[in-house]
Amino acid sequence: MSKIPEAEVVLSQGEITALKKAIYYLKFECEETESVIFCGSPLINSAFDKLVASSDIEWDDDFYNRKNQSAERHMLEKLNEKRRYEGRSEIEDMESFEHAATYMHPFKV
């Protein structure tokens, strides 16, 4: 697979914060089951990493570089709701899910 070319974008700190909040909401708070397709996106995860790295909020690294049990519970419920709809077996816990790190990114599993 070829490397995707990058483009430089200039954002204010307010715009960076707004985009981080939007991605966080989409991944870890949105109740819409179909939003799960964005939760495991490597491109969204990469964009989120770049936003965090560009942020002037000093505690961002500490906040995201840890486990988040609330986000984990929400993600597990969203994934299992989708799996039930598809007639697949449920995931017992995030640690046993092979794609957990991608879906829970940037949090630790």
C-alpha atoms as a PDB file:
ATOM      1  CA  MET A   1       0.000   0.000   0.000  1.00  0.00           C
ATOM      2  CA  SER A   2       1.389   3.398  -0.923  1.00  0.00           C
ATOM      3  CA  LYS A   3       1.863   6.102   1.663  1.00  0.00           C
ATOM      4  CA  ILE A   4      -0.894   8.688   1.696  1.00  0.00           C
ATOM      5  CA  PRO A   5       0.515  12.167   0.963  1.00  0.00           C
ATOM      6  CA  GLU A   6       0.201  14.661   3.801  1.00  0.00           C
ATOM      7  CA  ALA A   7      -0.941  18.264   3.599  1.00  0.00           C
ATOM      8  CA  GLU A   8      -0.201  21.046   6.038  1.00  0.00           C
ATOM      9  CA  VAL A   9      -3.215  22.614   7.719  1.00  0.00           C
ATOM     10  CA  VAL A  10      -3.089  25.591  10.064  1.00  0.00           C
ATOM     11  CA  LEU A  11      -5.619  25.523  12.894  1.00  0.00           C
ATOM     12  CA  SER A  12      -6.174  27.760  15.888  1.00  0.00           C
ATOM     13  CA  GLN A  13      -5.947  26.171  19.337  1.00  0.00           C
ATOM     14  CA  GLY A  14      -9.725  26.548  19.581  1.00  0.00           C
ATOM     15  CA  GLU A  15     -10.198  24.609  16.345  1.00  0.00           C
ATOM     16  CA  ILE A  16      -7.806  21.894  17.563  1.00  0.00           C
ATOM     17  CA  THR A  17      -9.763  21.584  20.802  1.00  0.00           C
ATOM     18  CA  ALA A  18     -13.082  21.469  18.926  1.00  0.00           C
ATOM     19  CA  LEU A  19     -11.869  18.706  16.603  1.00  0.00           C
ATOM     20  CA  LYS A  20     -10.471  16.673  19.512  1.00  0.00           C
ATOM     21  CA  LYS A  21     -13.825  16.967  21.294  1.00  0.00           C
ATOM     22  CA  ALA A  22     -15.712  15.944  18.135  1.00  0.00           C
ATOM     23  CA  ILE A  23     -13.554  12.847  17.597  1.00  0.00           C
ATOM     24  CA  TYR A  24     -13.739  11.942  21.296  1.00  0.00           C
ATOM     25  CA  TYR A  25     -17.529  12.239  21.185  1.00  0.00           C
ATOM     26  CA  LEU A  26     -17.786  10.164  18.007  1.00  0.00           C
ATOM     27  CA  LYS A  27     -15.631   7.375  19.426  1.00  0.00           C
ATOM     28  CA  PHE A  28     -16.508   7.293  23.118  1.00  0.00           C
ATOM     29  CA  GLU A  29     -19.853   9.005  23.746  1.00  0.00           C
ATOM     30  CA  CYS A  30     -21.990   8.761  20.606  1.00  0.00           C
ATOM     31  CA  GLU A  31     -24.864   6.297  21.111  1.00  0.00           C
ATOM     32  CA  GLU A  32     -25.365   5.664  17.386  1.00  0.00           C
ATOM     33  CA  THR A  33     -24.210   2.082  16.789  1.00  0.00           C
ATOM     34  CA  GLU A  34     -23.152   2.768  13.202  1.00  0.00           C
ATOM     35  CA  SER A  35     -20.561   5.253  14.492  1.00  0.00           C
ATOM     36  CA  VAL A  36     -18.452   2.198  15.326  1.00  0.00           C
ATOM     37  CA  ILE A  37     -17.109   2.267  11.743  1.00  0.00           C
ATOM     38  CA  PHE A  38     -15.232   5.451  12.633  1.00  0.00           C
ATOM     39  CA  CYS A  39     -13.989   4.159  15.990  1.00  0.00           C
ATOM     40  CA  GLY A  40     -11.588   1.681  14.427  1.00  0.00           C
ATOM     41  CA  SER A  41     -10.308   3.990  11.696  1.00  0.00           C
ATOM     42  CA  PRO A  42      -6.502   4.263  11.593  1.00  0.00           C
ATOM     43  CA  LEU A  43      -6.879   7.564   9.702  1.00  0.00           C
ATOM     44  CA  ILE A  44      -9.087   9.099  12.391  1.00  0.00           C
ATOM     45  CA  ASN A  45      -6.715   7.798  15.075  1.00  0.00           C
ATOM     46  CA  SER A  46      -3.741   9.327  13.251  1.00  0.00           C
ATOM     47  CA  ALA A  47      -5.514  12.678  12.888  1.00  0.00           C
ATOM     48  CA  PHE A  48      -6.406  12.582  16.586  1.00  0.00           C
ATOM     49  CA  ASP A  49      -2.742  11.946  17.502  1.00  0.00           C
ATOM     50  CA  LYS A  50      -1.685  14.952  15.431  1.00  0.00           C
ATOM     51  CA  LEU A  51      -4.316  17.140  17.077  1.00  0.00           C
ATOM     52  CA  VAL A  52      -3.167  16.081  20.563  1.00  0.00           C
ATOM     53  CA  ALA A  53       0.479  16.698  19.614  1.00  0.00           C
ATOM     54  CA  SER A  54      -0.443  20.190  18.367  1.00  0.00           C
ATOM     55  CA  SER A  55      -2.565  21.068  21.377  1.00  0.00           C
ATOM     56  CA  ASP A  56      -1.408  23.603  23.943  1.00  0.00           C
ATOM     57  CA  ILE A  57      -3.246  21.733  26.710  1.00  0.00           C
ATOM     58  CA  GLU A  58      -0.421  20.364  28.839  1.00  0.00           C
ATOM     59  CA  TRP A  59      -2.335  17.512  30.462  1.00  0.00           C
ATOM     60  CA  ASP A  60      -3.550  15.970  27.167  1.00  0.00           C
ATOM     61  CA  ASP A  61      -0.742  13.397  27.061  1.00  0.00           C
ATOM     62  CA  ASP A  62      -1.412  12.304  30.645  1.00  0.00           C
ATOM     63  CA  PHE A  63      -5.163  12.116  30.064  1.00  0.00           C
ATOM     64  CA  TYR A  64      -4.966  10.013  26.910  1.00  0.00           C
ATOM     65  CA  ASN A  65      -1.978   7.849  27.897  1.00  0.00           C
ATOM     66  CA  ARG A  66      -3.960   5.728  30.379  1.00  0.00           C
ATOM     67  CA  LYS A  67      -6.919   3.374  30.605  1.00  0.00           C
ATOM     68  CA  ASN A  68     -10.392   4.895  30.539  1.00  0.00           C
ATOM     69  CA  GLN A  69     -12.900   2.437  31.997  1.00  0.00           C
ATOM     70  CA  SER A  70     -15.918   4.575  31.160  1.00  0.00           C
ATOM     71  CA  ALA A  71     -14.901   4.845  27.498  1.00  0.00           C
ATOM     72  CA  GLU A  72     -14.089   1.127  27.483  1.00  0.00           C
ATOM     73  CA  ARG A  73     -17.563   0.191  28.787  1.00  0.00           C
ATOM     74  CA  HIS A  74     -19.226   2.434  26.213  1.00  0.00           C
ATOM     75  CA  MET A  75     -17.123   1.023  23.366  1.00  0.00           C
ATOM     76  CA  LEU A  76     -17.836  -2.552  24.446  1.00  0.00           C
ATOM     77  CA  GLU A  77     -21.583  -1.882  24.503  1.00  0.00           C
ATOM     78  CA  LYS A  78     -21.494  -0.196  21.095  1.00  0.00           C
ATOM     79  CA  LEU A  79     -19.452  -3.038  19.555  1.00  0.00           C
ATOM     80  CA  ASN A  80     -21.691  -5.694  21.104  1.00  0.00           C
ATOM     81  CA  GLU A  81     -24.860  -3.963  19.929  1.00  0.00           C
ATOM     82  CA  LYS A  82     -23.505  -4.053  16.375  1.00  0.00           C
ATOM     83  CA  ARG A  83     -22.400  -7.685  16.757  1.00  0.00           C
ATOM     84  CA  ARG A  84     -25.847  -8.717  18.077  1.00  0.00           C
ATOM     85  CA  TYR A  85     -27.469  -7.028  15.087  1.00  0.00           C
ATOM     86  CA  GLU A  86     -25.114  -8.955  12.777  1.00  0.00           C
ATOM     87  CA  GLY A  87     -25.841 -12.253  14.585  1.00  0.00           C
ATOM     88  CA  ARG A  88     -22.285 -12.539  15.920  1.00  0.00           C
ATOM     89  CA  SER A  89     -21.171 -13.487  19.410  1.00  0.00           C
ATOM     90  CA  GLU A  90     -20.530 -10.724  21.921  1.00  0.00           C
ATOM     91  CA  ILE A  91     -17.121  -9.574  23.111  1.00  0.00           C
ATOM     92  CA  GLU A  92     -16.697 -10.363  26.812  1.00  0.00           C
ATOM     93  CA  ASP A  93     -14.145  -7.642  27.531  1.00  0.00           C
ATOM     94  CA  MET A  94     -11.939  -5.281  25.560  1.00  0.00           C
ATOM     95  CA  GLU A  95      -8.765  -7.131  26.575  1.00  0.00           C
ATOM     96  CA  SER A  96      -9.972 -10.228  24.691  1.00  0.00           C
ATOM     97  CA  PHE A  97     -10.920  -8.276  21.535  1.00  0.00           C
ATOM     98  CA  GLU A  98      -8.145  -8.460  18.944  1.00  0.00           C
ATOM     99  CA  HIS A  99      -8.769  -4.935  17.626  1.00  0.00           C
ATOM    100  CA  ALA A 100      -9.199  -3.313  21.049  1.00  0.00           C
ATOM    101  CA  ALA A 101      -6.131  -1.066  20.765  1.00  0.00           C
ATOM    102  CA  THR A 102      -7.394   0.447  17.503  1.00  0.00           C
ATOM    103  CA  TYR A 103     -10.939   1.003  18.759  1.00  0.00           C
ATOM    104  CA  MET A 104      -9.837   2.364  22.150  1.00  0.00           C
ATOM    105  CA  HIS A 105      -7.082   4.577  20.735  1.00  0.00           C
ATOM    106  CA  PRO A 106      -5.666   6.823  22.196  1.00  0.00           C
ATOM    107  CA  PHE A 107      -6.457   5.144  25.511  1.00  0.00           C
ATOM    108  CA  LYS A 108      -4.602   2.084  26.778  1.00  0.00           C
ATOM    109  CA  VAL A 109      -6.405  -1.249  26.936  1.00  0.00           C
END
